[in-house]
Amino acid sequence: MLVTTQESILAAERFLEDWCRRANASGIRALQSMAKTLLTYRSGLRTKLLRSYRQRRRGTQRG
């Protein structure tokens, strides 16, 4: 996933939350388990997206 803007980060967060909500509503245990795992790592995923965004932004400003 290419993170180019802060809006991209917010869109990724909304996508994750929506996917997890639908996974939980599905009643499929494997999807529910995956959703639980992803939500556990949500802050780490957000940190990774922010770092990626900042690195790309710095590279753009230098070039």
PDB file of N, CA and C in Angstrom:
ATOM      1  N   MET A   1       0.832  -1.175   0.000  1.00  0.00           N
ATOM      2  CA  MET A   1       0.000   0.000   0.000  1.00  0.00           C
ATOM      3  C   MET A   1       0.878   1.241   0.000  1.00  0.00           C
ATOM      4  N   LEU A   2       0.586   2.145  -0.892  1.00  0.00           N
ATOM      5  CA  LEU A   2       1.347   3.379  -0.989  1.00  0.00           C
ATOM      6  C   LEU A   2       0.627   4.456  -0.193  1.00  0.00           C
ATOM      7  N   VAL A   3       1.293   4.973   0.809  1.00  0.00           N
ATOM      8  CA  VAL A   3       0.703   6.008   1.645  1.00  0.00           C
ATOM      9  C   VAL A   3       1.273   7.335   1.191  1.00  0.00           C
ATOM     10  N   THR A   4       0.421   8.157   0.590  1.00  0.00           N
ATOM     11  CA  THR A   4       0.906   9.415   0.046  1.00  0.00           C
ATOM     12  C   THR A   4       0.400  10.631   0.804  1.00  0.00           C
ATOM     13  N   THR A   5      -0.660  10.488   1.557  1.00  0.00           N
ATOM     14  CA  THR A   5      -1.232  11.621   2.288  1.00  0.00           C
ATOM     15  C   THR A   5      -1.747  11.172   3.648  1.00  0.00           C
ATOM     16  N   GLN A   6      -1.979  12.142   4.491  1.00  0.00           N
ATOM     17  CA  GLN A   6      -2.590  11.832   5.777  1.00  0.00           C
ATOM     18  C   GLN A   6      -3.993  11.281   5.569  1.00  0.00           C
ATOM     19  N   GLU A   7      -4.665  11.726   4.499  1.00  0.00           N
ATOM     20  CA  GLU A   7      -5.983  11.194   4.190  1.00  0.00           C
ATOM     21  C   GLU A   7      -5.906   9.708   3.868  1.00  0.00           C
ATOM     22  N   SER A   8      -4.803   9.274   3.259  1.00  0.00           N
ATOM     23  CA  SER A   8      -4.606   7.854   2.970  1.00  0.00           C
ATOM     24  C   SER A   8      -4.537   7.046   4.250  1.00  0.00           C
ATOM     25  N   ILE A   9      -3.890   7.607   5.252  1.00  0.00           N
ATOM     26  CA  ILE A   9      -3.769   6.929   6.540  1.00  0.00           C
ATOM     27  C   ILE A   9      -5.147   6.793   7.180  1.00  0.00           C
ATOM     28  N   LEU A  10      -5.919   7.866   7.153  1.00  0.00           N
ATOM     29  CA  LEU A  10      -7.266   7.814   7.712  1.00  0.00           C
ATOM     30  C   LEU A  10      -8.139   6.824   6.948  1.00  0.00           C
ATOM     31  N   ALA A  11      -7.994   6.789   5.635  1.00  0.00           N
ATOM     32  CA  ALA A  11      -8.765   5.841   4.826  1.00  0.00           C
ATOM     33  C   ALA A  11      -8.382   4.407   5.163  1.00  0.00           C
ATOM     34  N   ALA A  12      -7.103   4.160   5.386  1.00  0.00           N
ATOM     35  CA  ALA A  12      -6.649   2.816   5.755  1.00  0.00           C
ATOM     36  C   ALA A  12      -7.213   2.413   7.115  1.00  0.00           C
ATOM     37  N   GLU A  13      -7.235   3.346   8.047  1.00  0.00           N
ATOM     38  CA  GLU A  13      -7.795   3.060   9.370  1.00  0.00           C
ATOM     39  C   GLU A  13      -9.291   2.751   9.276  1.00  0.00           C
ATOM     40  N   ARG A  14     -10.014   3.548   8.488  1.00  0.00           N
ATOM     41  CA  ARG A  14     -11.453   3.300   8.316  1.00  0.00           C
ATOM     42  C   ARG A  14     -11.696   1.947   7.652  1.00  0.00           C
ATOM     43  N   PHE A  15     -10.857   1.610   6.656  1.00  0.00           N
ATOM     44  CA  PHE A  15     -10.992   0.329   5.983  1.00  0.00           C
ATOM     45  C   PHE A  15     -10.799  -0.817   6.968  1.00  0.00           C
ATOM     46  N   LEU A  16      -9.751  -0.724   7.790  1.00  0.00           N
ATOM     47  CA  LEU A  16      -9.476  -1.770   8.777  1.00  0.00           C
ATOM     48  C   LEU A  16     -10.643  -1.927   9.749  1.00  0.00           C
ATOM     49  N   GLU A  17     -11.125  -0.816  10.265  1.00  0.00           N
ATOM     50  CA  GLU A  17     -12.239  -0.882  11.214  1.00  0.00           C
ATOM     51  C   GLU A  17     -13.486  -1.472  10.562  1.00  0.00           C
ATOM     52  N   ASP A  18     -13.771  -1.077   9.325  1.00  0.00           N
ATOM     53  CA  ASP A  18     -14.943  -1.599   8.617  1.00  0.00           C
ATOM     54  C   ASP A  18     -14.787  -3.099   8.347  1.00  0.00           C
ATOM     55  N   TRP A  19     -13.597  -3.496   7.899  1.00  0.00           N
ATOM     56  CA  TRP A  19     -13.367  -4.909   7.600  1.00  0.00           C
ATOM     57  C   TRP A  19     -13.537  -5.746   8.867  1.00  0.00           C
ATOM     58  N   CYS A  20     -12.976  -5.271   9.967  1.00  0.00           N
ATOM     59  CA  CYS A  20     -13.075  -6.015  11.225  1.00  0.00           C
ATOM     60  C   CYS A  20     -14.522  -6.088  11.705  1.00  0.00           C
ATOM     61  N   ARG A  21     -15.270  -5.014  11.547  1.00  0.00           N
ATOM     62  CA  ARG A  21     -16.680  -5.024  11.933  1.00  0.00           C
ATOM     63  C   ARG A  21     -17.449  -6.055  11.112  1.00  0.00           C
ATOM     64  N   ARG A  22     -17.193  -6.091   9.789  1.00  0.00           N
ATOM     65  CA  ARG A  22     -17.873  -7.060   8.939  1.00  0.00           C
ATOM     66  C   ARG A  22     -17.426  -8.488   9.234  1.00  0.00           C
ATOM     67  N   ALA A  23     -16.144  -8.653   9.534  1.00  0.00           N
ATOM     68  CA  ALA A  23     -15.637  -9.986   9.878  1.00  0.00           C
ATOM     69  C   ALA A  23     -16.305 -10.506  11.146  1.00  0.00           C
ATOM     70  N   ASN A  24     -16.426  -9.644  12.134  1.00  0.00           N
ATOM     71  CA  ASN A  24     -17.078 -10.044  13.385  1.00  0.00           C
ATOM     72  C   ASN A  24     -18.547 -10.371  13.172  1.00  0.00           C
ATOM     73  N   ALA A  25     -19.205  -9.618  12.307  1.00  0.00           N
ATOM     74  CA  ALA A  25     -20.630  -9.841  12.038  1.00  0.00           C
ATOM     75  C   ALA A  25     -20.874 -11.094  11.201  1.00  0.00           C
ATOM     76  N   SER A  26     -19.843 -11.572  10.510  1.00  0.00           N
ATOM     77  CA  SER A  26     -20.005 -12.714   9.609  1.00  0.00           C
ATOM     78  C   SER A  26     -20.296 -14.019  10.346  1.00  0.00           C
ATOM     79  N   GLY A  27     -19.845 -14.108  11.585  1.00  0.00           N
ATOM     80  CA  GLY A  27     -20.016 -15.349  12.330  1.00  0.00           C
ATOM     81  C   GLY A  27     -18.978 -16.410  11.986  1.00  0.00           C
ATOM     82  N   ILE A  28     -18.043 -16.090  11.112  1.00  0.00           N
ATOM     83  CA  ILE A  28     -16.984 -17.032  10.713  1.00  0.00           C
ATOM     84  C   ILE A  28     -15.825 -16.873  11.699  1.00  0.00           C
ATOM     85  N   ARG A  29     -15.571 -17.914  12.445  1.00  0.00           N
ATOM     86  CA  ARG A  29     -14.574 -17.840  13.524  1.00  0.00           C
ATOM     87  C   ARG A  29     -13.189 -17.427  13.040  1.00  0.00           C
ATOM     88  N   ALA A  30     -12.768 -17.950  11.897  1.00  0.00           N
ATOM     89  CA  ALA A  30     -11.429 -17.605  11.395  1.00  0.00           C
ATOM     90  C   ALA A  30     -11.326 -16.102  11.096  1.00  0.00           C
ATOM     91  N   LEU A  31     -12.371 -15.538  10.514  1.00  0.00           N
ATOM     92  CA  LEU A  31     -12.364 -14.101  10.228  1.00  0.00           C
ATOM     93  C   LEU A  31     -12.433 -13.286  11.520  1.00  0.00           C
ATOM     94  N   GLN A  32     -13.221 -13.755  12.469  1.00  0.00           N
ATOM     95  CA  GLN A  32     -13.313 -13.065  13.750  1.00  0.00           C
ATOM     96  C   GLN A  32     -11.976 -13.065  14.479  1.00  0.00           C
ATOM     97  N   SER A  33     -11.280 -14.180  14.399  1.00  0.00           N
ATOM     98  CA  SER A  33      -9.968 -14.287  15.021  1.00  0.00           C
ATOM     99  C   SER A  33      -8.964 -13.352  14.351  1.00  0.00           C
ATOM    100  N   MET A  34      -9.005 -13.305  13.026  1.00  0.00           N
ATOM    101  CA  MET A  34      -8.109 -12.416  12.282  1.00  0.00           C
ATOM    102  C   MET A  34      -8.412 -10.960  12.612  1.00  0.00           C
ATOM    103  N   ALA A  35      -9.689 -10.618  12.697  1.00  0.00           N
ATOM    104  CA  ALA A  35     -10.070  -9.248  13.043  1.00  0.00           C
ATOM    105  C   ALA A  35      -9.540  -8.878  14.425  1.00  0.00           C
ATOM    106  N   LYS A  36      -9.667  -9.780  15.361  1.00  0.00           N
ATOM    107  CA  LYS A  36      -9.166  -9.535  16.721  1.00  0.00           C
ATOM    108  C   LYS A  36      -7.660  -9.289  16.699  1.00  0.00           C
ATOM    109  N   THR A  37      -6.940 -10.105  15.932  1.00  0.00           N
ATOM    110  CA  THR A  37      -5.487  -9.954  15.815  1.00  0.00           C
ATOM    111  C   THR A  37      -5.130  -8.612  15.195  1.00  0.00           C
ATOM    112  N   LEU A  38      -5.798  -8.260  14.101  1.00  0.00           N
ATOM    113  CA  LEU A  38      -5.507  -6.992  13.434  1.00  0.00           C
ATOM    114  C   LEU A  38      -5.779  -5.803  14.344  1.00  0.00           C
ATOM    115  N   LEU A  39      -6.871  -5.855  15.081  1.00  0.00           N
ATOM    116  CA  LEU A  39      -7.177  -4.752  15.993  1.00  0.00           C
ATOM    117  C   LEU A  39      -6.162  -4.659  17.123  1.00  0.00           C
ATOM    118  N   THR A  40      -5.599  -5.801  17.522  1.00  0.00           N
ATOM    119  CA  THR A  40      -4.549  -5.805  18.538  1.00  0.00           C
ATOM    120  C   THR A  40      -3.317  -5.050  18.038  1.00  0.00           C
ATOM    121  N   TYR A  41      -3.026  -5.192  16.742  1.00  0.00           N
ATOM    122  CA  TYR A  41      -1.849  -4.550  16.146  1.00  0.00           C
ATOM    123  C   TYR A  41      -2.155  -3.197  15.515  1.00  0.00           C
ATOM    124  N   ARG A  42      -3.349  -2.676  15.725  1.00  0.00           N
ATOM    125  CA  ARG A  42      -3.774  -1.435  15.071  1.00  0.00           C
ATOM    126  C   ARG A  42      -2.800  -0.283  15.305  1.00  0.00           C
ATOM    127  N   SER A  43      -2.364  -0.072  16.537  1.00  0.00           N
ATOM    128  CA  SER A  43      -1.473   1.067  16.800  1.00  0.00           C
ATOM    129  C   SER A  43      -0.125   0.891  16.096  1.00  0.00           C
ATOM    130  N   GLY A  44       0.379  -0.337  16.051  1.00  0.00           N
ATOM    131  CA  GLY A  44       1.630  -0.592  15.335  1.00  0.00           C
ATOM    132  C   GLY A  44       1.480  -0.387  13.832  1.00  0.00           C
ATOM    133  N   LEU A  45       0.353  -0.792  13.298  1.00  0.00           N
ATOM    134  CA  LEU A  45       0.097  -0.581  11.870  1.00  0.00           C
ATOM    135  C   LEU A  45       0.008   0.907  11.558  1.00  0.00           C
ATOM    136  N   ARG A  46      -0.652   1.643  12.434  1.00  0.00           N
ATOM    137  CA  ARG A  46      -0.769   3.093  12.224  1.00  0.00           C
ATOM    138  C   ARG A  46       0.611   3.752  12.283  1.00  0.00           C
ATOM    139  N   THR A  47       1.437   3.327  13.236  1.00  0.00           N
ATOM    140  CA  THR A  47       2.789   3.871  13.353  1.00  0.00           C
ATOM    141  C   THR A  47       3.584   3.610  12.082  1.00  0.00           C
ATOM    142  N   LYS A  48       3.466   2.410  11.538  1.00  0.00           N
ATOM    143  CA  LYS A  48       4.176   2.070  10.303  1.00  0.00           C
ATOM    144  C   LYS A  48       3.703   2.949   9.141  1.00  0.00           C
ATOM    145  N   LEU A  49       2.405   3.158   9.048  1.00  0.00           N
ATOM    146  CA  LEU A  49       1.874   4.012   7.988  1.00  0.00           C
ATOM    147  C   LEU A  49       2.367   5.445   8.139  1.00  0.00           C
ATOM    148  N   LEU A  50       2.382   5.956   9.372  1.00  0.00           N
ATOM    149  CA  LEU A  50       2.856   7.320   9.599  1.00  0.00           C
ATOM    150  C   LEU A  50       4.334   7.461   9.250  1.00  0.00           C
ATOM    151  N   ARG A  51       5.140   6.476   9.617  1.00  0.00           N
ATOM    152  CA  ARG A  51       6.571   6.524   9.269  1.00  0.00           C
ATOM    153  C   ARG A  51       6.764   6.522   7.767  1.00  0.00           C
ATOM    154  N   SER A  52       6.021   5.674   7.085  1.00  0.00           N
ATOM    155  CA  SER A  52       6.104   5.606   5.630  1.00  0.00           C
ATOM    156  C   SER A  52       5.730   6.949   5.015  1.00  0.00           C
ATOM    157  N   TYR A  53       4.649   7.531   5.508  1.00  0.00           N
ATOM    158  CA  TYR A  53       4.202   8.827   5.012  1.00  0.00           C
ATOM    159  C   TYR A  53       5.276   9.890   5.239  1.00  0.00           C
ATOM    160  N   ARG A  54       5.832   9.944   6.440  1.00  0.00           N
ATOM    161  CA  ARG A  54       6.844  10.959   6.757  1.00  0.00           C
ATOM    162  C   ARG A  54       8.109  10.783   5.922  1.00  0.00           C
ATOM    163  N   GLN A  55       8.524   9.536   5.706  1.00  0.00           N
ATOM    164  CA  GLN A  55       9.717   9.286   4.897  1.00  0.00           C
ATOM    165  C   GLN A  55       9.491   9.736   3.454  1.00  0.00           C
ATOM    166  N   ARG A  56       8.318   9.438   2.909  1.00  0.00           N
ATOM    167  CA  ARG A  56       8.015   9.863   1.537  1.00  0.00           C
ATOM    168  C   ARG A  56       7.957  11.377   1.447  1.00  0.00           C
ATOM    169  N   ARG A  57       7.398  12.002   2.473  1.00  0.00           N
ATOM    170  CA  ARG A  57       7.278  13.466   2.474  1.00  0.00           C
ATOM    171  C   ARG A  57       8.657  14.111   2.525  1.00  0.00           C
ATOM    172  N   ARG A  58       9.534  13.581   3.364  1.00  0.00           N
ATOM    173  CA  ARG A  58      10.896  14.124   3.438  1.00  0.00           C
ATOM    174  C   ARG A  58      11.632  13.943   2.124  1.00  0.00           C
ATOM    175  N   GLY A  59      11.451  12.801   1.492  1.00  0.00           N
ATOM    176  CA  GLY A  59      12.088  12.548   0.203  1.00  0.00           C
ATOM    177  C   GLY A  59      11.590  13.497  -0.865  1.00  0.00           C
ATOM    178  N   THR A  60      10.318  13.823  -0.831  1.00  0.00           N
ATOM    179  CA  THR A  60       9.730  14.753  -1.797  1.00  0.00           C
ATOM    180  C   THR A  60      10.263  16.154  -1.578  1.00  0.00           C
ATOM    181  N   GLN A  61      10.417  16.575  -0.345  1.00  0.00           N
ATOM    182  CA  GLN A  61      10.886  17.916  -0.048  1.00  0.00           C
ATOM    183  C   GLN A  61      12.340  18.096  -0.456  1.00  0.00           C
ATOM    184  N   ARG A  62      13.142  17.050  -0.347  1.00  0.00           N
ATOM    185  CA  ARG A  62      14.552  17.136  -0.710  1.00  0.00           C
ATOM    186  C   ARG A  62      14.761  17.183  -2.207  1.00  0.00           C
ATOM    187  N   GLY A  63      13.920  16.445  -2.939  1.00  0.00           N
ATOM    188  CA  GLY A  63      14.111  16.308  -4.374  1.00  0.00           C
ATOM    189  C   GLY A  63      13.644  17.492  -5.104  1.00  0.00           C
TER     190      GLY A  63
END
